[in-house]
C-alpha atoms as a PDB file:
ATOM      1  CA  UNK A   1     -44.096 -11.414 -21.509  1.00  0.00           C
ATOM      2  CA  UNK A   2     -41.420 -13.687 -20.025  1.00  0.00           C
ATOM      3  CA  UNK A   3     -43.362 -16.798 -18.996  1.00  0.00           C
ATOM      4  CA  UNK A   4     -40.377 -18.214 -17.136  1.00  0.00           C
ATOM      5  CA  UNK A   5     -40.595 -15.395 -14.640  1.00  0.00           C
ATOM      6  CA  UNK A   6     -44.361 -15.485 -14.312  1.00  0.00           C
ATOM      7  CA  UNK A   7     -45.621 -16.669 -10.903  1.00  0.00           C
ATOM      8  CA  UNK A   8     -48.010 -19.181 -12.459  1.00  0.00           C
ATOM      9  CA  UNK A   9     -45.183 -20.773 -14.457  1.00  0.00           C
ATOM     10  CA  UNK A  10     -42.943 -20.928 -11.377  1.00  0.00           C
ATOM     11  CA  UNK A  11     -45.734 -22.474  -9.315  1.00  0.00           C
ATOM     12  CA  UNK A  12     -46.489 -25.010 -12.048  1.00  0.00           C
ATOM     13  CA  UNK A  13     -42.809 -25.965 -12.100  1.00  0.00           C
ATOM     14  CA  UNK A  14     -42.693 -26.194  -8.289  1.00  0.00           C
ATOM     15  CA  UNK A  15     -45.808 -28.385  -8.176  1.00  0.00           C
ATOM     16  CA  UNK A  16     -44.385 -30.653 -10.886  1.00  0.00           C
ATOM     17  CA  UNK A  17     -41.160 -31.156  -8.931  1.00  0.00           C
ATOM     18  CA  UNK A  18     -43.154 -31.614  -5.716  1.00  0.00           C
ATOM     19  CA  UNK A  19     -45.311 -34.306  -7.367  1.00  0.00           C
ATOM     20  CA  UNK A  20     -42.222 -36.074  -8.739  1.00  0.00           C
ATOM     21  CA  UNK A  21     -40.465 -36.169  -5.353  1.00  0.00           C
ATOM     22  CA  UNK A  22     -43.665 -37.283  -3.602  1.00  0.00           C
ATOM     23  CA  UNK A  23     -44.174 -40.075  -6.142  1.00  0.00           C
ATOM     24  CA  UNK A  24     -40.617 -41.289  -5.579  1.00  0.00           C
ATOM     25  CA  UNK A  25     -41.308 -41.297  -1.843  1.00  0.00           C
ATOM     26  CA  UNK A  26     -44.449 -43.387  -2.260  1.00  0.00           C
ATOM     27  CA  UNK A  27     -42.557 -45.736  -4.602  1.00  0.00           C
ATOM     28  CA  UNK A  28     -39.955 -46.312  -1.898  1.00  0.00           C
ATOM     29  CA  UNK A  29     -42.736 -47.037   0.605  1.00  0.00           C
ATOM     30  CA  UNK A  30     -44.237 -49.556  -1.836  1.00  0.00           C
ATOM     31  CA  UNK A  31     -40.839 -51.248  -2.204  1.00  0.00           C
ATOM     32  CA  UNK A  32     -40.450 -51.389   1.580  1.00  0.00           C
ATOM     33  CA  UNK A  33     -43.903 -52.965   1.980  1.00  0.00           C
ATOM     34  CA  UNK A  34     -43.208 -55.465  -0.800  1.00  0.00           C
ATOM     35  CA  UNK A  35     -39.924 -56.599   0.721  1.00  0.00           C
ATOM     36  CA  UNK A  36     -41.369 -56.706   4.234  1.00  0.00           C
ATOM     37  CA  UNK A  37     -44.162 -58.943   2.922  1.00  0.00           C
ATOM     38  CA  UNK A  38     -41.621 -61.238   1.268  1.00  0.00           C
ATOM     39  CA  UNK A  39     -39.596 -61.467   4.480  1.00  0.00           C
ATOM     40  CA  UNK A  40     -42.741 -62.310   6.453  1.00  0.00           C
ATOM     41  CA  UNK A  41     -43.630 -65.085   3.993  1.00  0.00           C
ATOM     42  CA  UNK A  42     -40.171 -66.613   4.227  1.00  0.00           C
ATOM     43  CA  UNK A  43     -40.178 -66.402   8.019  1.00  0.00           C
ATOM     44  CA  UNK A  44     -43.493 -68.274   8.131  1.00  0.00           C
ATOM     45  CA  UNK A  45     -42.239 -70.999   5.769  1.00  0.00           C
ATOM     46  CA  UNK A  46     -38.980 -71.419   7.697  1.00  0.00           C
ATOM     47  CA  UNK A  47     -40.828 -71.574  11.010  1.00  0.00           C
ATOM     48  CA  UNK A  48     -43.139 -74.339   9.793  1.00  0.00           C
ATOM     49  CA  UNK A  49     -40.761 -76.185   7.413  1.00  0.00           C
ATOM     50  CA  UNK A  50     -43.676 -78.254   6.152  1.00  0.00           C
ATOM     51  CA  UNK A  51     -42.598 -80.100   2.979  1.00  0.00           C
ATOM     52  CA  UNK A  52     -44.826 -79.380   0.001  1.00  0.00           C
ATOM     53  CA  UNK A  53     -45.638 -81.872  -2.777  1.00  0.00           C
ATOM     54  CA  UNK A  54     -43.025 -82.098  -5.528  1.00  0.00           C
ATOM     55  CA  UNK A  55     -45.623 -80.748  -7.987  1.00  0.00           C
ATOM     56  CA  UNK A  56     -45.040 -77.211  -6.646  1.00  0.00           C
ATOM     57  CA  UNK A  57     -41.608 -77.214  -8.309  1.00  0.00           C
ATOM     58  CA  UNK A  58     -43.209 -76.764 -11.727  1.00  0.00           C
ATOM     59  CA  UNK A  59     -46.198 -74.671 -10.593  1.00  0.00           C
ATOM     60  CA  UNK A  60     -46.113 -71.508 -12.709  1.00  0.00           C
ATOM     61  CA  UNK A  61     -48.828 -69.934 -10.528  1.00  0.00           C
ATOM     62  CA  UNK A  62     -46.439 -69.874  -7.545  1.00  0.00           C
ATOM     63  CA  UNK A  63     -43.520 -68.201  -9.296  1.00  0.00           C
ATOM     64  CA  UNK A  64     -43.308 -65.431  -6.674  1.00  0.00           C
ATOM     65  CA  UNK A  65     -44.082 -67.631  -3.652  1.00  0.00           C
ATOM     66  CA  UNK A  66     -41.922 -69.532  -1.186  1.00  0.00           C
ATOM     67  CA  UNK A  67     -42.232 -73.238  -0.375  1.00  0.00           C
ATOM     68  CA  UNK A  68     -40.323 -75.732   1.730  1.00  0.00           C
ATOM     69  CA  UNK A  69     -39.527 -78.941  -0.135  1.00  0.00           C
ATOM     70  CA  UNK A  70     -37.757 -82.184   0.690  1.00  0.00           C
ATOM     71  CA  UNK A  71     -36.479 -83.939  -2.434  1.00  0.00           C
ATOM     72  CA  UNK A  72     -34.143 -86.722  -3.462  1.00  0.00           C
ATOM     73  CA  UNK A  73     -32.262 -86.756  -6.730  1.00  0.00           C
ATOM     74  CA  UNK A  74     -28.985 -86.002  -8.471  1.00  0.00           C
ATOM     75  CA  UNK A  75     -27.251 -83.261 -10.402  1.00  0.00           C
ATOM     76  CA  UNK A  76     -27.821 -83.186 -14.133  1.00  0.00           C
ATOM     77  CA  UNK A  77     -24.876 -83.454 -16.454  1.00  0.00           C
ATOM     78  CA  UNK A  78     -23.907 -79.967 -17.432  1.00  0.00           C
ATOM     79  CA  UNK A  79     -21.984 -76.906 -16.285  1.00  0.00           C
ATOM     80  CA  UNK A  80     -22.336 -74.719 -13.226  1.00  0.00           C
ATOM     81  CA  UNK A  81     -23.867 -71.296 -13.727  1.00  0.00           C
ATOM     82  CA  UNK A  82     -22.047 -68.560 -11.828  1.00  0.00           C
ATOM     83  CA  UNK A  83     -23.913 -65.338 -11.089  1.00  0.00           C
ATOM     84  CA  UNK A  84     -21.310 -62.563 -11.127  1.00  0.00           C
ATOM     85  CA  UNK A  85     -21.102 -59.350  -9.059  1.00  0.00           C
ATOM     86  CA  UNK A  86     -22.432 -60.845  -5.822  1.00  0.00           C
ATOM     87  CA  UNK A  87     -21.178 -59.303  -2.583  1.00  0.00           C
ATOM     88  CA  UNK A  88     -21.252 -60.394   1.034  1.00  0.00           C
ATOM     89  CA  UNK A  89     -19.849 -58.123   3.706  1.00  0.00           C
ATOM     90  CA  UNK A  90     -18.288 -55.933   1.035  1.00  0.00           C
ATOM     91  CA  UNK A  91     -16.396 -58.877  -0.490  1.00  0.00           C
ATOM     92  CA  UNK A  92     -16.891 -59.564  -4.200  1.00  0.00           C
ATOM     93  CA  UNK A  93     -17.791 -63.059  -5.295  1.00  0.00           C
ATOM     94  CA  UNK A  94     -20.137 -65.235  -7.301  1.00  0.00           C
ATOM     95  CA  UNK A  95     -23.226 -67.314  -6.536  1.00  0.00           C
ATOM     96  CA  UNK A  96     -23.186 -70.784  -8.042  1.00  0.00           C
ATOM     97  CA  UNK A  97     -26.079 -72.773  -9.513  1.00  0.00           C
ATOM     98  CA  UNK A  98     -26.483 -76.195 -11.049  1.00  0.00           C
ATOM     99  CA  UNK A  99     -29.422 -78.127 -12.463  1.00  0.00           C
ATOM    100  CA  UNK A 100     -30.830 -80.731 -10.058  1.00  0.00           C
ATOM    101  CA  UNK A 101     -32.949 -83.697 -11.170  1.00  0.00           C
ATOM    102  CA  UNK A 102     -35.418 -84.833  -8.453  1.00  0.00           C
ATOM    103  CA  UNK A 103     -36.826 -88.351  -8.439  1.00  0.00           C
ATOM    104  CA  UNK A 104     -40.234 -86.687  -8.657  1.00  0.00           C
ATOM    105  CA  UNK A 105     -41.061 -83.289 -10.046  1.00  0.00           C
ATOM    106  CA  UNK A 106     -39.479 -80.965 -12.560  1.00  0.00           C
ATOM    107  CA  UNK A 107     -35.806 -80.198 -12.820  1.00  0.00           C
ATOM    108  CA  UNK A 108     -34.785 -77.155 -10.821  1.00  0.00           C
ATOM    109  CA  UNK A 109     -31.826 -74.793 -10.674  1.00  0.00           C
ATOM    110  CA  UNK A 110     -30.149 -75.511  -7.344  1.00  0.00           C
ATOM    111  CA  UNK A 111     -28.495 -72.614  -5.510  1.00  0.00           C
ATOM    112  CA  UNK A 112     -25.144 -73.981  -4.355  1.00  0.00           C
ATOM    113  CA  UNK A 113     -24.283 -70.768  -2.521  1.00  0.00           C
ATOM    114  CA  UNK A 114     -21.795 -67.922  -2.556  1.00  0.00           C
ATOM    115  CA  UNK A 115     -18.000 -67.940  -2.746  1.00  0.00           C
ATOM    116  CA  UNK A 116     -15.500 -65.082  -2.745  1.00  0.00           C
ATOM    117  CA  UNK A 117     -13.334 -64.521  -5.802  1.00  0.00           C
ATOM    118  CA  UNK A 118      -9.548 -64.085  -5.442  1.00  0.00           C
ATOM    119  CA  UNK A 119      -7.872 -60.990  -6.953  1.00  0.00           C
ATOM    120  CA  UNK A 120      -7.177 -62.877 -10.195  1.00  0.00           C
ATOM    121  CA  UNK A 121     -10.902 -63.805 -10.396  1.00  0.00           C
ATOM    122  CA  UNK A 122     -10.194 -67.528 -10.632  1.00  0.00           C
ATOM    123  CA  UNK A 123     -13.618 -69.140 -10.838  1.00  0.00           C
ATOM    124  CA  UNK A 124     -14.548 -71.855  -8.317  1.00  0.00           C
ATOM    125  CA  UNK A 125     -14.951 -75.524  -9.110  1.00  0.00           C
ATOM    126  CA  UNK A 126     -17.547 -77.896  -7.729  1.00  0.00           C
ATOM    127  CA  UNK A 127     -16.151 -80.818  -5.752  1.00  0.00           C
ATOM    128  CA  UNK A 128     -17.223 -84.282  -6.819  1.00  0.00           C
ATOM    129  CA  UNK A 129     -20.822 -84.742  -5.726  1.00  0.00           C
ATOM    130  CA  UNK A 130     -22.577 -87.936  -4.735  1.00  0.00           C
ATOM    131  CA  UNK A 131     -24.573 -89.658  -7.451  1.00  0.00           C
ATOM    132  CA  UNK A 132     -27.773 -89.242  -5.475  1.00  0.00           C
ATOM    133  CA  UNK A 133     -28.660 -87.165  -2.437  1.00  0.00           C
ATOM    134  CA  UNK A 134     -31.596 -86.051  -0.339  1.00  0.00           C
ATOM    135  CA  UNK A 135     -31.983 -82.329   0.253  1.00  0.00           C
ATOM    136  CA  UNK A 136     -34.401 -80.075   2.112  1.00  0.00           C
ATOM    137  CA  UNK A 137     -34.664 -76.349   1.573  1.00  0.00           C
ATOM    138  CA  UNK A 138     -36.466 -73.338   0.209  1.00  0.00           C
ATOM    139  CA  UNK A 139     -38.033 -73.041  -3.217  1.00  0.00           C
ATOM    140  CA  UNK A 140     -37.962 -69.336  -4.062  1.00  0.00           C
ATOM    141  CA  UNK A 141     -38.089 -66.877  -6.976  1.00  0.00           C
ATOM    142  CA  UNK A 142     -34.819 -66.357  -8.858  1.00  0.00           C
ATOM    143  CA  UNK A 143     -32.695 -63.405  -7.741  1.00  0.00           C
ATOM    144  CA  UNK A 144     -33.665 -59.975  -9.011  1.00  0.00           C
ATOM    145  CA  UNK A 145     -32.753 -59.174 -12.560  1.00  0.00           C
ATOM    146  CA  UNK A 146     -29.432 -57.415 -13.007  1.00  0.00           C
ATOM    147  CA  UNK A 147     -28.135 -55.721 -16.121  1.00  0.00           C
ATOM    148  CA  UNK A 148     -28.102 -58.331 -18.872  1.00  0.00           C
ATOM    149  CA  UNK A 149     -25.006 -57.861 -21.027  1.00  0.00           C
ATOM    150  CA  UNK A 150     -25.743 -60.635 -23.479  1.00  0.00           C
ATOM    151  CA  UNK A 151     -26.566 -63.822 -21.606  1.00  0.00           C
ATOM    152  CA  UNK A 152     -24.284 -66.375 -19.903  1.00  0.00           C
ATOM    153  CA  UNK A 153     -20.760 -66.660 -21.301  1.00  0.00           C
ATOM    154  CA  UNK A 154     -18.994 -70.033 -21.460  1.00  0.00           C
ATOM    155  CA  UNK A 155     -15.604 -70.120 -19.711  1.00  0.00           C
ATOM    156  CA  UNK A 156     -12.623 -72.319 -20.709  1.00  0.00           C
ATOM    157  CA  UNK A 157     -13.681 -75.016 -18.214  1.00  0.00           C
ATOM    158  CA  UNK A 158     -17.260 -75.003 -19.503  1.00  0.00           C
ATOM    159  CA  UNK A 159     -18.682 -73.003 -16.585  1.00  0.00           C
ATOM    160  CA  UNK A 160     -21.232 -70.364 -17.559  1.00  0.00           C
ATOM    161  CA  UNK A 161     -20.652 -66.865 -16.175  1.00  0.00           C
ATOM    162  CA  UNK A 162     -23.842 -64.787 -16.066  1.00  0.00           C
ATOM    163  CA  UNK A 163     -24.803 -61.299 -14.918  1.00  0.00           C
ATOM    164  CA  UNK A 164     -28.426 -62.304 -14.280  1.00  0.00           C
ATOM    165  CA  UNK A 165     -30.400 -65.493 -13.656  1.00  0.00           C
ATOM    166  CA  UNK A 166     -32.788 -65.342 -16.584  1.00  0.00           C
ATOM    167  CA  UNK A 167     -34.540 -68.715 -16.534  1.00  0.00           C
ATOM    168  CA  UNK A 168     -36.002 -68.567 -20.079  1.00  0.00           C
ATOM    169  CA  UNK A 169     -32.493 -67.971 -21.439  1.00  0.00           C
ATOM    170  CA  UNK A 170     -30.970 -70.668 -19.234  1.00  0.00           C
ATOM    171  CA  UNK A 171     -33.576 -73.187 -20.357  1.00  0.00           C
ATOM    172  CA  UNK A 172     -32.276 -72.789 -23.895  1.00  0.00           C
ATOM    173  CA  UNK A 173     -28.588 -72.500 -23.003  1.00  0.00           C
ATOM    174  CA  UNK A 174     -28.610 -75.540 -20.715  1.00  0.00           C
ATOM    175  CA  UNK A 175     -31.045 -77.445 -22.940  1.00  0.00           C
ATOM    176  CA  UNK A 176     -33.438 -77.844 -19.994  1.00  0.00           C
ATOM    177  CA  UNK A 177     -36.879 -76.896 -21.385  1.00  0.00           C
ATOM    178  CA  UNK A 178     -38.754 -78.074 -18.267  1.00  0.00           C
ATOM    179  CA  UNK A 179     -36.600 -76.176 -15.772  1.00  0.00           C
ATOM    180  CA  UNK A 180     -38.636 -74.879 -12.818  1.00  0.00           C
ATOM    181  CA  UNK A 181     -39.642 -71.181 -12.775  1.00  0.00           C
ATOM    182  CA  UNK A 182     -38.114 -70.982  -9.293  1.00  0.00           C
ATOM    183  CA  UNK A 183     -34.731 -71.917  -7.816  1.00  0.00           C
ATOM    184  CA  UNK A 184     -34.017 -74.289  -4.930  1.00  0.00           C
ATOM    185  CA  UNK A 185     -31.795 -73.253  -2.025  1.00  0.00           C
ATOM    186  CA  UNK A 186     -30.922 -76.196   0.251  1.00  0.00           C
ATOM    187  CA  UNK A 187     -30.206 -75.864   3.948  1.00  0.00           C
ATOM    188  CA  UNK A 188     -26.773 -74.373   4.736  1.00  0.00           C
ATOM    189  CA  UNK A 189     -25.496 -77.645   6.226  1.00  0.00           C
ATOM    190  CA  UNK A 190     -26.092 -79.467   2.943  1.00  0.00           C
ATOM    191  CA  UNK A 191     -22.493 -78.916   1.912  1.00  0.00           C
ATOM    192  CA  UNK A 192     -21.094 -78.251  -1.594  1.00  0.00           C
ATOM    193  CA  UNK A 193     -18.309 -76.021  -0.238  1.00  0.00           C
ATOM    194  CA  UNK A 194     -20.165 -72.711  -0.696  1.00  0.00           C
ATOM    195  CA  UNK A 195     -21.586 -70.240   1.823  1.00  0.00           C
ATOM    196  CA  UNK A 196     -25.360 -70.386   1.914  1.00  0.00           C
ATOM    197  CA  UNK A 197     -28.180 -69.052   4.070  1.00  0.00           C
ATOM    198  CA  UNK A 198     -31.845 -68.150   3.702  1.00  0.00           C
ATOM    199  CA  UNK A 199     -31.335 -64.418   3.208  1.00  0.00           C
ATOM    200  CA  UNK A 200     -33.642 -63.590   0.286  1.00  0.00           C
ATOM    201  CA  UNK A 201     -32.414 -59.994  -0.099  1.00  0.00           C
ATOM    202  CA  UNK A 202     -28.689 -60.279  -0.784  1.00  0.00           C
ATOM    203  CA  UNK A 203     -27.191 -57.465  -2.852  1.00  0.00           C
ATOM    204  CA  UNK A 204     -30.332 -55.384  -2.449  1.00  0.00           C
ATOM    205  CA  UNK A 205     -31.799 -52.856  -0.037  1.00  0.00           C
ATOM    206  CA  UNK A 206     -33.672 -53.997   3.093  1.00  0.00           C
ATOM    207  CA  UNK A 207     -37.087 -52.461   3.899  1.00  0.00           C
ATOM    208  CA  UNK A 208     -35.534 -50.045   6.407  1.00  0.00           C
ATOM    209  CA  UNK A 209     -33.340 -48.467   3.737  1.00  0.00           C
ATOM    210  CA  UNK A 210     -36.323 -47.975   1.448  1.00  0.00           C
ATOM    211  CA  UNK A 211     -38.154 -46.294   4.341  1.00  0.00           C
ATOM    212  CA  UNK A 212     -35.182 -44.003   4.875  1.00  0.00           C
ATOM    213  CA  UNK A 213     -35.116 -43.039   1.209  1.00  0.00           C
ATOM    214  CA  UNK A 214     -38.876 -42.402   1.316  1.00  0.00           C
ATOM    215  CA  UNK A 215     -38.377 -39.945   4.171  1.00  0.00           C
ATOM    216  CA  UNK A 216     -35.677 -38.174   2.155  1.00  0.00           C
ATOM    217  CA  UNK A 217     -37.894 -37.848  -0.937  1.00  0.00           C
ATOM    218  CA  UNK A 218     -40.819 -36.564   1.133  1.00  0.00           C
ATOM    219  CA  UNK A 219     -38.446 -34.114   2.800  1.00  0.00           C
ATOM    220  CA  UNK A 220     -37.315 -32.816  -0.596  1.00  0.00           C
ATOM    221  CA  UNK A 221     -40.943 -32.495  -1.713  1.00  0.00           C
ATOM    222  CA  UNK A 222     -41.767 -30.481   1.407  1.00  0.00           C
ATOM    223  CA  UNK A 223     -38.685 -28.305   0.865  1.00  0.00           C
ATOM    224  CA  UNK A 224     -39.784 -27.474  -2.691  1.00  0.00           C
ATOM    225  CA  UNK A 225     -43.270 -26.515  -1.513  1.00  0.00           C
ATOM    226  CA  UNK A 226     -42.025 -24.437   1.408  1.00  0.00           C
ATOM    227  CA  UNK A 227     -39.485 -22.675  -0.820  1.00  0.00           C
ATOM    228  CA  UNK A 228     -42.204 -21.840  -3.355  1.00  0.00           C
ATOM    229  CA  UNK A 229     -44.424 -20.437  -0.598  1.00  0.00           C
ATOM    230  CA  UNK A 230     -41.587 -18.322   0.848  1.00  0.00           C
ATOM    231  CA  UNK A 231     -40.604 -16.953  -2.562  1.00  0.00           C
ATOM    232  CA  UNK A 232     -44.236 -16.099  -3.314  1.00  0.00           C
ATOM    233  CA  UNK A 233     -44.604 -14.373   0.049  1.00  0.00           C
ATOM    234  CA  UNK A 234     -41.395 -12.379  -0.474  1.00  0.00           C
ATOM    235  CA  UNK A 235     -42.436 -11.388  -3.994  1.00  0.00           C
ATOM    236  CA  UNK A 236     -45.815 -10.150  -2.770  1.00  0.00           C
ATOM    237  CA  UNK A 237     -44.223  -8.312   0.153  1.00  0.00           C
ATOM    238  CA  UNK A 238     -41.725  -6.620  -2.187  1.00  0.00           C
ATOM    239  CA  UNK A 239     -44.535  -5.660  -4.563  1.00  0.00           C
ATOM    240  CA  UNK A 240     -46.572  -4.227  -1.674  1.00  0.00           C
ATOM    241  CA  UNK A 241     -43.633  -2.079  -0.498  1.00  0.00           C
ATOM    242  CA  UNK A 242     -43.102  -0.845  -4.042  1.00  0.00           C
ATOM    243  CA  UNK A 243     -46.759   0.124  -4.349  1.00  0.00           C
ATOM    244  CA  UNK A 244     -46.620   1.949  -1.013  1.00  0.00           C
ATOM    245  CA  UNK A 245     -43.704   4.077  -2.207  1.00  0.00           C
ATOM    246  CA  UNK A 246     -45.577   4.924  -5.393  1.00  0.00           C
ATOM    247  CA  UNK A 247     -48.663   6.167  -3.537  1.00  0.00           C
ATOM    248  CA  UNK A 248     -48.942  10.004  -3.173  1.00  0.00           C
END
């Protein structure tokens, strides 16, 4: 007997595909809820802008949280870290980071902001910075992990070009073992010559897009189920007509 043509096999296959599409739909809903929750947390922090103690910089229990901090310090000696493949408005560029040393609290990777790359991909340079400065901004989780192709690569000027901000790797590369588990993004008006805002979902899908994809997956799941029902109904109807013709 050909199992592939057996109704039970076909229904098992249809239910498997239905379950897969439905699971993908629920996964997209989970992603939408997760990102909506993150956006709500950031909105609340930005609305209050209540500075938290400097101890939160090193708090490993708040790795996925958002805090407003007001710190004074200076940049550490060492290179910029440029996160490659960052887009804004369809324009390719990089996001720049540098280690900041607060007067109080752990060292933290400071998000200098985004800058477009010219066609020849000449990497940006950081203008001379003051020896000491006071900055206020958002302490947030590092950007989502991209495809790691081997860690940051040193450029001729000493700048490190990376495809992902992997803090454990950067702690070793930059020789900063106490580097905070989060990054610090100062207010846009803080300067440094880079574009910066408090958008926490750059280069990723907003909740609305995840919701749209969820609807598509659920639609595909429903299509598979409806198709299976129609094919079963047609097969039974054809079999019934055949039996009627065979009756005396």
